[in-house]
Amino acid sequence: MYRRTRMSGGARKLLIGAAAAAIAGGAFAVSTGMSSAGESCVGLDTALQNNLTFIAEQRRTPDALSDARIANRQAVVDLINQRRATAGCTGKVVAQPVAAPAKTATKAPTKAPTKAPTKAPTKAPAAAVPGGAGQVCKGSTVTLSGEAGVPAASSGTFPIGTTLKVTNLDNNKSITVKVATPSGSCILLNNAAFELVREPGKFLIRRAVIERVG
């Protein structure tokens, strides 16, 4: 003999309301998880690995500015890790193996010429310096400083107020910005400026042309 359980109208409304709330809550959770930082874990992990690799390379072959560069990149690493935590990224990210510098073969010293050269050596062209215009920071990579605000840059080479043009050769996008804050690198772009010239999902511009225009 079957027994039918009766439920009052108020109880049914509560049950239906609870189910709807649960479905809405699940949808909200999924939506929040997908847009917590507007960035994918793949892109964040790649950016983190690039910066860790840069730090490892600086520590392997340091120069006079390595400490400043490492400190600046460590600040970027901390920012990326905060974004990864917000986005729920849990993968372990380490620097890529740093290749040992190739050993150059020793060459026997050549015999010095006995006759003095008759032609005076030509003077090498002067390299671009912060006080002049034209291409600067040759061979530099460009990443973001993690600073908010309108498009701007930070630099340890140029004084505040200097106008620089950065061109990403991988997508031919460029931006002209003013140096607003100091840093340990030739140039770093803040979040807004970097977003205008970067490739999707990348947090490092490996082929960049940097020019002083003002």
N, C-alpha and C. Protein backbone atom coordinates (compact mmCIF):
# COMPACT_ATOMS: atom_id res chain seq x y z
N MET A 1 0.84 -1.19 0.00
CA MET A 1 0.00 0.00 0.00
C MET A 1 0.88 1.24 0.00
N TYR A 2 0.67 2.12 -0.99
CA TYR A 2 1.50 3.32 -1.11
C TYR A 2 0.93 4.42 -0.27
N ARG A 3 1.83 5.19 0.20
CA ARG A 3 1.44 6.28 1.09
C ARG A 3 1.93 7.61 0.51
N ARG A 4 1.02 8.48 0.23
CA ARG A 4 1.40 9.74 -0.41
C ARG A 4 1.65 10.78 0.69
N THR A 5 2.84 11.39 0.58
CA THR A 5 3.19 12.42 1.57
C THR A 5 2.71 13.76 1.08
N ARG A 6 1.91 14.38 1.89
CA ARG A 6 1.36 15.68 1.51
C ARG A 6 2.29 16.80 1.98
N MET A 7 2.37 17.80 1.17
CA MET A 7 3.23 18.93 1.49
C MET A 7 2.44 20.21 1.31
N SER A 8 2.56 21.05 2.28
CA SER A 8 1.81 22.29 2.22
C SER A 8 2.35 23.19 1.11
N GLY A 9 1.50 24.13 0.69
CA GLY A 9 1.93 25.06 -0.36
C GLY A 9 3.15 25.86 0.05
N GLY A 10 3.22 26.28 1.33
CA GLY A 10 4.37 27.06 1.79
C GLY A 10 5.65 26.25 1.75
N ALA A 11 5.55 24.95 2.12
CA ALA A 11 6.75 24.09 2.11
C ALA A 11 7.24 23.90 0.70
N ARG A 12 6.28 23.71 -0.24
CA ARG A 12 6.69 23.55 -1.64
C ARG A 12 7.42 24.79 -2.15
N LYS A 13 6.92 25.96 -1.81
CA LYS A 13 7.57 27.20 -2.25
C LYS A 13 8.98 27.31 -1.68
N LEU A 14 9.15 26.92 -0.41
CA LEU A 14 10.49 26.97 0.18
C LEU A 14 11.44 26.02 -0.52
N LEU A 15 10.94 24.80 -0.84
CA LEU A 15 11.78 23.81 -1.50
C LEU A 15 12.19 24.28 -2.88
N ILE A 16 11.21 24.82 -3.63
CA ILE A 16 11.51 25.32 -4.98
C ILE A 16 12.47 26.50 -4.90
N GLY A 17 12.26 27.39 -3.93
CA GLY A 17 13.16 28.54 -3.76
C GLY A 17 14.57 28.12 -3.41
N ALA A 18 14.70 27.09 -2.55
CA ALA A 18 16.04 26.61 -2.17
C ALA A 18 16.75 26.01 -3.35
N ALA A 19 16.00 25.23 -4.18
CA ALA A 19 16.62 24.62 -5.37
C ALA A 19 17.08 25.69 -6.33
N ALA A 20 16.24 26.71 -6.53
CA ALA A 20 16.61 27.79 -7.45
C ALA A 20 17.83 28.53 -6.94
N ALA A 21 17.88 28.76 -5.62
CA ALA A 21 19.04 29.46 -5.04
C ALA A 21 20.30 28.64 -5.22
N ALA A 22 20.16 27.30 -5.06
CA ALA A 22 21.35 26.44 -5.21
C ALA A 22 21.86 26.49 -6.63
N ILE A 23 20.91 26.46 -7.60
CA ILE A 23 21.32 26.52 -9.02
C ILE A 23 21.96 27.86 -9.32
N ALA A 24 21.34 28.94 -8.84
CA ALA A 24 21.90 30.28 -9.06
C ALA A 24 23.26 30.42 -8.40
N GLY A 25 23.40 29.89 -7.19
CA GLY A 25 24.67 29.96 -6.49
C GLY A 25 25.75 29.21 -7.22
N GLY A 26 25.40 28.04 -7.79
CA GLY A 26 26.38 27.28 -8.56
C GLY A 26 26.81 28.03 -9.78
N ALA A 27 25.83 28.66 -10.46
CA ALA A 27 26.17 29.43 -11.66
C ALA A 27 27.05 30.61 -11.30
N PHE A 28 26.75 31.27 -10.17
CA PHE A 28 27.58 32.40 -9.73
C PHE A 28 28.99 31.95 -9.41
N ALA A 29 29.13 30.80 -8.77
CA ALA A 29 30.45 30.29 -8.43
C ALA A 29 31.25 30.01 -9.67
N VAL A 30 30.60 29.40 -10.67
CA VAL A 30 31.32 29.11 -11.92
C VAL A 30 31.71 30.40 -12.60
N SER A 31 30.77 31.35 -12.64
CA SER A 31 31.07 32.63 -13.28
C SER A 31 32.22 33.34 -12.57
N THR A 32 32.21 33.33 -11.24
CA THR A 32 33.27 33.97 -10.49
C THR A 32 34.60 33.30 -10.74
N GLY A 33 34.61 31.98 -10.82
CA GLY A 33 35.85 31.26 -11.05
C GLY A 33 36.44 31.54 -12.41
N MET A 34 35.55 31.79 -13.37
CA MET A 34 36.03 32.03 -14.73
C MET A 34 36.55 33.45 -14.91
N SER A 35 36.09 34.38 -14.08
CA SER A 35 36.46 35.77 -14.31
C SER A 35 37.11 36.41 -13.10
N SER A 36 37.66 35.63 -12.21
CA SER A 36 38.22 36.17 -10.99
C SER A 36 39.30 37.20 -11.26
N ALA A 37 40.11 36.99 -12.26
CA ALA A 37 41.14 37.96 -12.58
C ALA A 37 41.16 38.28 -14.06
N GLY A 38 40.25 37.66 -14.83
CA GLY A 38 40.23 37.90 -16.25
C GLY A 38 41.43 37.31 -16.96
N GLU A 39 42.15 36.42 -16.34
CA GLU A 39 43.36 35.86 -16.91
C GLU A 39 43.35 34.35 -16.73
N SER A 40 43.96 33.63 -17.68
CA SER A 40 44.02 32.19 -17.58
C SER A 40 45.27 31.77 -16.83
N CYS A 41 45.19 30.58 -16.24
CA CYS A 41 46.35 30.06 -15.51
C CYS A 41 47.52 29.81 -16.46
N VAL A 42 47.22 29.44 -17.71
CA VAL A 42 48.29 29.18 -18.68
C VAL A 42 49.11 30.45 -18.90
N GLY A 43 48.43 31.58 -19.12
CA GLY A 43 49.13 32.83 -19.34
C GLY A 43 49.90 33.28 -18.11
N LEU A 44 49.27 33.15 -16.93
CA LEU A 44 49.94 33.55 -15.69
C LEU A 44 51.15 32.68 -15.41
N ASP A 45 51.01 31.35 -15.63
CA ASP A 45 52.14 30.44 -15.40
C ASP A 45 53.29 30.74 -16.34
N THR A 46 52.97 31.06 -17.60
CA THR A 46 54.02 31.39 -18.57
C THR A 46 54.75 32.67 -18.16
N ALA A 47 53.99 33.68 -17.75
CA ALA A 47 54.60 34.93 -17.31
C ALA A 47 55.49 34.71 -16.08
N LEU A 48 55.02 33.89 -15.15
CA LEU A 48 55.79 33.60 -13.94
C LEU A 48 57.08 32.89 -14.29
N GLN A 49 57.01 31.88 -15.20
CA GLN A 49 58.22 31.15 -15.58
C GLN A 49 59.22 32.06 -16.29
N ASN A 50 58.73 32.96 -17.16
CA ASN A 50 59.63 33.88 -17.86
C ASN A 50 60.39 34.76 -16.88
N ASN A 51 59.70 35.28 -15.87
CA ASN A 51 60.35 36.15 -14.90
C ASN A 51 61.31 35.38 -14.00
N LEU A 52 60.94 34.15 -13.60
CA LEU A 52 61.84 33.33 -12.79
C LEU A 52 63.10 32.98 -13.58
N THR A 53 62.94 32.70 -14.87
CA THR A 53 64.09 32.38 -15.73
C THR A 53 65.00 33.59 -15.86
N PHE A 54 64.40 34.78 -16.03
CA PHE A 54 65.20 36.01 -16.12
C PHE A 54 66.02 36.21 -14.85
N ILE A 55 65.40 35.99 -13.68
CA ILE A 55 66.12 36.14 -12.41
C ILE A 55 67.27 35.14 -12.31
N ALA A 56 67.01 33.88 -12.73
CA ALA A 56 68.06 32.85 -12.69
C ALA A 56 69.23 33.21 -13.59
N GLU A 57 68.94 33.77 -14.77
CA GLU A 57 69.99 34.17 -15.70
C GLU A 57 70.82 35.32 -15.11
N GLN A 58 70.16 36.27 -14.46
CA GLN A 58 70.89 37.38 -13.85
C GLN A 58 71.79 36.90 -12.72
N ARG A 59 71.33 35.91 -11.97
CA ARG A 59 72.15 35.38 -10.87
C ARG A 59 73.32 34.55 -11.38
N ARG A 60 73.15 33.96 -12.55
CA ARG A 60 74.23 33.13 -13.10
C ARG A 60 75.33 33.99 -13.69
N THR A 61 74.95 35.07 -14.37
CA THR A 61 75.93 35.96 -14.97
C THR A 61 75.64 37.40 -14.52
N PRO A 62 75.94 37.73 -13.28
CA PRO A 62 75.57 39.06 -12.75
C PRO A 62 76.47 40.16 -13.30
N ASP A 63 75.94 41.38 -13.27
CA ASP A 63 76.72 42.55 -13.58
C ASP A 63 76.35 43.64 -12.58
N ALA A 64 76.74 44.87 -12.86
CA ALA A 64 76.55 45.94 -11.88
C ALA A 64 75.08 46.24 -11.60
N LEU A 65 74.19 45.96 -12.56
CA LEU A 65 72.77 46.27 -12.37
C LEU A 65 71.92 45.04 -12.06
N SER A 66 72.54 43.89 -11.90
CA SER A 66 71.77 42.66 -11.69
C SER A 66 70.90 42.72 -10.44
N ASP A 67 71.45 43.24 -9.33
CA ASP A 67 70.67 43.29 -8.08
C ASP A 67 69.39 44.11 -8.26
N ALA A 68 69.50 45.24 -8.97
CA ALA A 68 68.33 46.09 -9.18
C ALA A 68 67.32 45.40 -10.10
N ARG A 69 67.83 44.73 -11.15
CA ARG A 69 66.92 44.02 -12.06
C ARG A 69 66.20 42.89 -11.33
N ILE A 70 66.95 42.15 -10.50
CA ILE A 70 66.36 41.02 -9.77
C ILE A 70 65.29 41.53 -8.81
N ALA A 71 65.57 42.62 -8.10
CA ALA A 71 64.59 43.16 -7.16
C ALA A 71 63.32 43.58 -7.89
N ASN A 72 63.47 44.19 -9.07
CA ASN A 72 62.30 44.63 -9.83
C ASN A 72 61.50 43.44 -10.33
N ARG A 73 62.19 42.43 -10.86
CA ARG A 73 61.48 41.25 -11.36
C ARG A 73 60.83 40.46 -10.22
N GLN A 74 61.45 40.47 -9.03
CA GLN A 74 60.85 39.77 -7.90
C GLN A 74 59.52 40.41 -7.52
N ALA A 75 59.44 41.75 -7.66
CA ALA A 75 58.18 42.43 -7.39
C ALA A 75 57.11 41.99 -8.40
N VAL A 76 57.53 41.81 -9.67
CA VAL A 76 56.60 41.32 -10.69
C VAL A 76 56.16 39.89 -10.38
N VAL A 77 57.12 39.05 -9.92
CA VAL A 77 56.80 37.66 -9.55
C VAL A 77 55.76 37.64 -8.43
N ASP A 78 55.93 38.50 -7.43
CA ASP A 78 54.98 38.55 -6.32
C ASP A 78 53.58 38.94 -6.81
N LEU A 79 53.53 39.89 -7.74
CA LEU A 79 52.24 40.31 -8.28
C LEU A 79 51.56 39.18 -9.05
N ILE A 80 52.35 38.47 -9.88
CA ILE A 80 51.78 37.36 -10.66
C ILE A 80 51.29 36.26 -9.73
N ASN A 81 52.03 35.98 -8.66
CA ASN A 81 51.60 34.95 -7.72
C ASN A 81 50.29 35.33 -7.03
N GLN A 82 50.10 36.63 -6.77
CA GLN A 82 48.82 37.07 -6.20
C GLN A 82 47.68 36.83 -7.19
N ARG A 83 47.94 37.12 -8.46
CA ARG A 83 46.91 36.88 -9.48
C ARG A 83 46.63 35.39 -9.65
N ARG A 84 47.66 34.57 -9.57
CA ARG A 84 47.47 33.12 -9.69
C ARG A 84 46.62 32.60 -8.53
N ALA A 85 46.88 33.13 -7.34
CA ALA A 85 46.10 32.70 -6.19
C ALA A 85 44.64 33.10 -6.35
N THR A 86 44.41 34.31 -6.86
CA THR A 86 43.04 34.77 -7.08
C THR A 86 42.33 33.93 -8.13
N ALA A 87 43.07 33.55 -9.19
CA ALA A 87 42.47 32.76 -10.27
C ALA A 87 42.39 31.27 -9.94
N GLY A 88 42.96 30.85 -8.79
CA GLY A 88 42.90 29.45 -8.40
C GLY A 88 43.93 28.58 -9.11
N CYS A 89 45.03 29.16 -9.57
CA CYS A 89 46.08 28.39 -10.25
C CYS A 89 46.93 27.68 -9.20
N THR A 90 47.08 26.36 -9.35
CA THR A 90 47.79 25.58 -8.34
C THR A 90 49.02 24.87 -8.88
N GLY A 91 49.31 25.00 -10.17
CA GLY A 91 50.45 24.31 -10.76
C GLY A 91 51.78 24.84 -10.23
N LYS A 92 52.76 23.95 -10.15
CA LYS A 92 54.09 24.35 -9.70
C LYS A 92 54.86 24.92 -10.88
N VAL A 93 55.40 26.13 -10.72
CA VAL A 93 56.11 26.80 -11.80
C VAL A 93 57.55 27.07 -11.36
N VAL A 94 58.51 26.64 -12.17
CA VAL A 94 59.92 26.87 -11.88
C VAL A 94 60.59 27.49 -13.09
N ALA A 95 61.75 28.04 -12.88
CA ALA A 95 62.49 28.65 -13.99
C ALA A 95 62.96 27.58 -14.97
N GLN A 96 63.07 27.97 -16.21
CA GLN A 96 63.63 27.07 -17.21
C GLN A 96 65.12 26.88 -16.93
N PRO A 97 65.67 25.70 -17.27
CA PRO A 97 67.10 25.48 -17.05
C PRO A 97 67.94 26.54 -17.76
N VAL A 98 68.88 27.11 -17.03
CA VAL A 98 69.73 28.14 -17.61
C VAL A 98 70.96 27.48 -18.20
N ALA A 99 71.16 27.65 -19.50
CA ALA A 99 72.29 27.02 -20.18
C ALA A 99 73.59 27.68 -19.74
N ALA A 100 74.61 26.83 -19.56
CA ALA A 100 75.92 27.34 -19.19
C ALA A 100 76.52 28.11 -20.36
N PRO A 101 77.20 29.21 -20.10
CA PRO A 101 77.81 29.98 -21.20
C PRO A 101 78.83 29.15 -21.95
N ALA A 102 78.78 29.24 -23.26
CA ALA A 102 79.69 28.43 -24.09
C ALA A 102 81.12 28.88 -23.88
N LYS A 103 82.04 27.91 -23.82
CA LYS A 103 83.45 28.20 -23.64
C LYS A 103 84.07 28.58 -24.97
N THR A 104 84.76 29.69 -24.98
CA THR A 104 85.42 30.12 -26.20
C THR A 104 86.80 29.46 -26.29
N ALA A 105 87.14 29.03 -27.49
CA ALA A 105 88.42 28.36 -27.69
C ALA A 105 89.55 29.37 -27.51
N THR A 106 90.60 28.94 -26.83
CA THR A 106 91.75 29.81 -26.62
C THR A 106 92.52 29.96 -27.92
N LYS A 107 92.89 31.14 -28.22
CA LYS A 107 93.60 31.42 -29.45
C LYS A 107 94.99 31.94 -29.13
N ALA A 108 95.95 31.38 -29.85
CA ALA A 108 97.33 31.80 -29.61
C ALA A 108 97.48 33.27 -29.95
N PRO A 109 98.21 34.01 -29.14
CA PRO A 109 98.38 35.43 -29.41
C PRO A 109 99.11 35.66 -30.73
N THR A 110 98.62 36.61 -31.48
CA THR A 110 99.26 36.93 -32.75
C THR A 110 100.44 37.85 -32.50
N LYS A 111 101.35 37.80 -33.40
CA LYS A 111 102.56 38.60 -33.27
C LYS A 111 102.24 40.05 -33.56
N ALA A 112 102.66 40.91 -32.68
CA ALA A 112 102.39 42.33 -32.86
C ALA A 112 103.12 42.85 -34.08
N PRO A 113 102.47 43.71 -34.86
CA PRO A 113 103.15 44.25 -36.05
C PRO A 113 104.31 45.14 -35.64
N THR A 114 105.37 45.05 -36.40
CA THR A 114 106.55 45.84 -36.08
C THR A 114 106.42 47.27 -36.59
N LYS A 115 105.54 47.47 -37.58
CA LYS A 115 105.40 48.80 -38.16
C LYS A 115 104.14 49.47 -37.62
N ALA A 116 104.29 50.68 -37.19
CA ALA A 116 103.15 51.42 -36.67
C ALA A 116 102.19 51.74 -37.80
N PRO A 117 100.90 51.68 -37.53
CA PRO A 117 99.93 52.00 -38.59
C PRO A 117 100.06 53.46 -39.01
N THR A 118 99.95 53.68 -40.33
CA THR A 118 100.08 55.04 -40.85
C THR A 118 98.76 55.80 -40.81
N LYS A 119 97.62 55.06 -40.74
CA LYS A 119 96.32 55.70 -40.76
C LYS A 119 95.73 55.74 -39.34
N ALA A 120 95.32 56.89 -38.95
CA ALA A 120 94.73 57.02 -37.62
C ALA A 120 93.42 56.25 -37.58
N PRO A 121 93.15 55.52 -36.49
CA PRO A 121 91.89 54.76 -36.41
C PRO A 121 90.69 55.68 -36.43
N THR A 122 89.67 55.23 -37.12
CA THR A 122 88.44 56.02 -37.17
C THR A 122 87.73 55.92 -35.84
N LYS A 123 87.04 56.97 -35.51
CA LYS A 123 86.34 57.02 -34.22
C LYS A 123 85.01 56.28 -34.33
N ALA A 124 84.78 55.41 -33.39
CA ALA A 124 83.53 54.64 -33.39
C ALA A 124 82.37 55.57 -33.14
N PRO A 125 81.22 55.30 -33.79
CA PRO A 125 80.05 56.16 -33.57
C PRO A 125 79.62 56.09 -32.12
N ALA A 126 79.21 57.22 -31.60
CA ALA A 126 78.79 57.28 -30.19
C ALA A 126 77.51 56.51 -30.00
N ALA A 127 77.46 55.73 -28.91
CA ALA A 127 76.25 54.97 -28.60
C ALA A 127 75.17 55.91 -28.10
N ALA A 128 73.93 55.46 -28.25
CA ALA A 128 72.81 56.27 -27.78
C ALA A 128 72.87 56.38 -26.26
N VAL A 129 72.69 57.56 -25.76
CA VAL A 129 72.74 57.81 -24.32
C VAL A 129 71.44 58.45 -23.88
N PRO A 130 71.17 58.41 -22.59
CA PRO A 130 69.90 58.97 -22.11
C PRO A 130 69.66 60.41 -22.50
N GLY A 131 70.73 61.19 -22.72
CA GLY A 131 70.53 62.59 -23.05
C GLY A 131 70.15 62.83 -24.50
N GLY A 132 70.29 61.83 -25.39
CA GLY A 132 70.01 62.02 -26.80
C GLY A 132 68.76 61.30 -27.23
N ALA A 133 68.41 61.46 -28.53
CA ALA A 133 67.23 60.80 -29.06
C ALA A 133 67.65 59.58 -29.87
N GLY A 134 66.67 58.78 -30.29
CA GLY A 134 66.96 57.60 -31.09
C GLY A 134 66.79 56.33 -30.30
N GLN A 135 67.21 55.21 -30.93
CA GLN A 135 67.02 53.89 -30.32
C GLN A 135 67.92 53.71 -29.11
N VAL A 136 67.36 53.19 -28.03
CA VAL A 136 68.10 52.96 -26.79
C VAL A 136 67.76 51.57 -26.26
N CYS A 137 68.48 51.15 -25.23
CA CYS A 137 68.24 49.86 -24.57
C CYS A 137 68.21 48.72 -25.60
N LYS A 138 69.18 48.69 -26.50
CA LYS A 138 69.17 47.69 -27.56
C LYS A 138 69.25 46.29 -26.97
N GLY A 139 68.44 45.37 -27.53
CA GLY A 139 68.43 43.98 -27.08
C GLY A 139 67.64 43.74 -25.83
N SER A 140 66.96 44.77 -25.34
CA SER A 140 66.23 44.61 -24.08
C SER A 140 64.91 43.89 -24.29
N THR A 141 64.52 43.13 -23.29
CA THR A 141 63.16 42.61 -23.22
C THR A 141 62.35 43.57 -22.37
N VAL A 142 61.05 43.56 -22.54
CA VAL A 142 60.18 44.48 -21.79
C VAL A 142 59.08 43.67 -21.12
N THR A 143 58.86 43.93 -19.84
CA THR A 143 57.76 43.30 -19.12
C THR A 143 57.01 44.37 -18.35
N LEU A 144 56.06 43.95 -17.54
CA LEU A 144 55.23 44.93 -16.85
C LEU A 144 55.73 45.17 -15.44
N SER A 145 55.50 46.38 -14.95
CA SER A 145 55.93 46.75 -13.61
C SER A 145 54.90 46.39 -12.55
N GLY A 146 53.67 46.11 -12.98
CA GLY A 146 52.61 45.81 -12.02
C GLY A 146 51.93 47.04 -11.47
N GLU A 147 52.30 48.23 -11.96
CA GLU A 147 51.70 49.47 -11.47
C GLU A 147 50.39 49.75 -12.21
N ALA A 148 49.45 50.32 -11.49
CA ALA A 148 48.16 50.66 -12.09
C ALA A 148 48.21 52.09 -12.62
N GLY A 149 47.05 52.58 -13.10
CA GLY A 149 46.96 53.94 -13.58
C GLY A 149 46.95 54.02 -15.09
N VAL A 150 47.01 55.25 -15.60
CA VAL A 150 47.01 55.46 -17.05
C VAL A 150 48.32 54.93 -17.63
N PRO A 151 48.38 54.66 -18.95
CA PRO A 151 49.60 54.12 -19.55
C PRO A 151 50.83 54.97 -19.22
N ALA A 152 51.85 54.32 -18.68
CA ALA A 152 53.07 55.00 -18.29
C ALA A 152 54.19 53.97 -18.19
N ALA A 153 55.40 54.43 -17.88
CA ALA A 153 56.56 53.54 -17.78
C ALA A 153 57.35 53.89 -16.53
N SER A 154 58.24 52.96 -16.15
CA SER A 154 59.22 53.22 -15.10
C SER A 154 60.58 52.89 -15.68
N SER A 155 61.63 53.53 -15.17
CA SER A 155 62.96 53.34 -15.75
C SER A 155 64.04 53.63 -14.73
N GLY A 156 65.15 52.91 -14.85
CA GLY A 156 66.33 53.19 -14.05
C GLY A 156 67.40 53.88 -14.87
N THR A 157 67.11 54.12 -16.16
CA THR A 157 68.07 54.75 -17.07
C THR A 157 67.69 56.18 -17.41
N PHE A 158 66.38 56.44 -17.51
CA PHE A 158 65.90 57.75 -17.94
C PHE A 158 65.20 58.46 -16.79
N PRO A 159 65.34 59.79 -16.71
CA PRO A 159 64.67 60.54 -15.63
C PRO A 159 63.17 60.59 -15.84
N ILE A 160 62.47 60.85 -14.75
CA ILE A 160 61.01 61.00 -14.80
C ILE A 160 60.65 62.14 -15.75
N GLY A 161 59.65 61.91 -16.60
CA GLY A 161 59.24 62.90 -17.58
C GLY A 161 59.74 62.61 -18.98
N THR A 162 60.72 61.68 -19.12
CA THR A 162 61.23 61.32 -20.44
C THR A 162 60.14 60.59 -21.23
N THR A 163 60.04 60.88 -22.52
CA THR A 163 59.06 60.21 -23.38
C THR A 163 59.75 59.12 -24.19
N LEU A 164 59.24 57.89 -24.10
CA LEU A 164 59.81 56.74 -24.78
C LEU A 164 58.75 56.07 -25.64
N LYS A 165 59.20 55.53 -26.77
CA LYS A 165 58.32 54.77 -27.65
C LYS A 165 58.76 53.31 -27.63
N VAL A 166 57.83 52.41 -27.34
CA VAL A 166 58.12 50.97 -27.27
C VAL A 166 57.35 50.27 -28.39
N THR A 167 58.08 49.51 -29.22
CA THR A 167 57.46 48.77 -30.32
C THR A 167 57.69 47.28 -30.11
N ASN A 168 56.62 46.50 -30.14
CA ASN A 168 56.69 45.04 -30.03
C ASN A 168 56.84 44.49 -31.45
N LEU A 169 58.02 43.97 -31.79
CA LEU A 169 58.28 43.49 -33.14
C LEU A 169 57.51 42.22 -33.48
N ASP A 170 56.98 41.53 -32.46
CA ASP A 170 56.24 40.30 -32.72
C ASP A 170 54.83 40.56 -33.24
N ASN A 171 54.29 41.75 -32.97
CA ASN A 171 52.96 42.07 -33.51
C ASN A 171 52.88 43.48 -34.09
N ASN A 172 54.05 44.17 -34.14
CA ASN A 172 54.15 45.52 -34.73
C ASN A 172 53.27 46.55 -34.02
N LYS A 173 52.94 46.31 -32.78
CA LYS A 173 52.20 47.30 -32.00
C LYS A 173 53.19 48.18 -31.24
N SER A 174 52.86 49.46 -31.12
CA SER A 174 53.75 50.37 -30.41
C SER A 174 52.94 51.32 -29.53
N ILE A 175 53.63 51.91 -28.56
CA ILE A 175 53.00 52.86 -27.64
C ILE A 175 54.04 53.88 -27.22
N THR A 176 53.60 55.12 -27.05
CA THR A 176 54.47 56.19 -26.57
C THR A 176 54.02 56.58 -25.17
N VAL A 177 54.95 56.50 -24.22
CA VAL A 177 54.62 56.76 -22.81
C VAL A 177 55.69 57.63 -22.17
N LYS A 178 55.35 58.23 -21.05
CA LYS A 178 56.30 59.00 -20.26
C LYS A 178 56.76 58.18 -19.07
N VAL A 179 58.02 58.36 -18.67
CA VAL A 179 58.54 57.72 -17.47
C VAL A 179 57.94 58.43 -16.26
N ALA A 180 57.22 57.64 -15.44
CA ALA A 180 56.53 58.23 -14.29
C ALA A 180 57.16 57.85 -12.96
N THR A 181 57.85 56.69 -12.92
CA THR A 181 58.43 56.22 -11.67
C THR A 181 59.79 55.57 -11.96
N PRO A 182 60.68 55.48 -10.96
CA PRO A 182 61.97 54.82 -11.16
C PRO A 182 61.85 53.32 -11.01
N SER A 183 62.79 52.58 -11.62
CA SER A 183 62.86 51.13 -11.47
C SER A 183 64.30 50.69 -11.69
N GLY A 184 64.53 49.39 -11.64
CA GLY A 184 65.87 48.87 -11.83
C GLY A 184 66.16 48.44 -13.25
N SER A 185 65.23 48.63 -14.18
CA SER A 185 65.42 48.24 -15.56
C SER A 185 65.48 49.47 -16.45
N CYS A 186 65.90 49.25 -17.72
CA CYS A 186 65.92 50.36 -18.67
C CYS A 186 64.52 50.91 -18.83
N ILE A 187 63.53 50.02 -19.01
CA ILE A 187 62.14 50.45 -19.08
C ILE A 187 61.23 49.30 -18.71
N LEU A 188 60.19 49.60 -17.93
CA LEU A 188 59.11 48.69 -17.63
C LEU A 188 57.80 49.42 -17.92
N LEU A 189 56.85 48.72 -18.50
CA LEU A 189 55.54 49.31 -18.78
C LEU A 189 54.57 48.97 -17.65
N ASN A 190 53.71 49.92 -17.29
CA ASN A 190 52.70 49.59 -16.29
C ASN A 190 51.60 48.75 -16.95
N ASN A 191 50.65 48.30 -16.16
CA ASN A 191 49.64 47.36 -16.66
C ASN A 191 48.89 47.89 -17.88
N ALA A 192 48.45 49.16 -17.83
CA ALA A 192 47.65 49.72 -18.92
C ALA A 192 48.46 49.83 -20.21
N ALA A 193 49.72 50.26 -20.10
CA ALA A 193 50.57 50.41 -21.30
C ALA A 193 50.93 49.04 -21.88
N PHE A 194 51.26 48.09 -21.01
CA PHE A 194 51.66 46.76 -21.47
C PHE A 194 50.51 46.07 -22.20
N GLU A 195 49.29 46.29 -21.72
CA GLU A 195 48.12 45.66 -22.32
C GLU A 195 47.93 46.10 -23.78
N LEU A 196 48.38 47.29 -24.13
CA LEU A 196 48.16 47.83 -25.47
C LEU A 196 49.15 47.29 -26.50
N VAL A 197 50.27 46.69 -26.07
CA VAL A 197 51.27 46.22 -27.03
C VAL A 197 51.61 44.74 -26.89
N ARG A 198 51.12 44.08 -25.85
CA ARG A 198 51.50 42.69 -25.64
C ARG A 198 50.72 41.77 -26.57
N GLU A 199 51.25 40.54 -26.73
CA GLU A 199 50.52 39.49 -27.43
C GLU A 199 49.61 38.80 -26.41
N PRO A 200 48.45 38.30 -26.84
CA PRO A 200 47.51 37.69 -25.90
C PRO A 200 48.16 36.57 -25.09
N GLY A 201 47.98 36.62 -23.78
CA GLY A 201 48.49 35.57 -22.90
C GLY A 201 49.97 35.67 -22.58
N LYS A 202 50.66 36.70 -23.08
CA LYS A 202 52.10 36.83 -22.83
C LYS A 202 52.36 38.03 -21.94
N PHE A 203 53.30 37.85 -21.00
CA PHE A 203 53.64 38.90 -20.06
C PHE A 203 55.10 39.31 -20.22
N LEU A 204 55.66 39.04 -21.40
CA LEU A 204 57.04 39.42 -21.68
C LEU A 204 57.17 39.70 -23.16
N ILE A 205 57.75 40.84 -23.53
CA ILE A 205 58.04 41.18 -24.92
C ILE A 205 59.51 40.90 -25.14
N ARG A 206 59.81 39.85 -25.89
CA ARG A 206 61.20 39.44 -26.08
C ARG A 206 61.90 40.25 -27.18
N ARG A 207 61.15 40.72 -28.17
CA ARG A 207 61.76 41.51 -29.26
C ARG A 207 61.12 42.89 -29.28
N ALA A 208 61.84 43.84 -28.69
CA ALA A 208 61.28 45.18 -28.57
C ALA A 208 62.28 46.21 -29.08
N VAL A 209 61.76 47.27 -29.68
CA VAL A 209 62.56 48.43 -30.05
C VAL A 209 62.13 49.59 -29.16
N ILE A 210 63.09 50.16 -28.47
CA ILE A 210 62.80 51.25 -27.52
C ILE A 210 63.49 52.51 -28.03
N GLU A 211 62.73 53.57 -28.22
CA GLU A 211 63.27 54.81 -28.75
C GLU A 211 62.92 55.96 -27.81
N ARG A 212 63.88 56.86 -27.67
CA ARG A 212 63.60 58.09 -26.93
C ARG A 212 63.11 59.14 -27.90
N VAL A 213 61.93 59.66 -27.64
CA VAL A 213 61.33 60.64 -28.55
C VAL A 213 61.11 62.00 -27.88
N GLY A 214 61.46 62.10 -26.64
CA GLY A 214 61.27 63.37 -25.96
C GLY A 214 61.74 63.34 -24.53
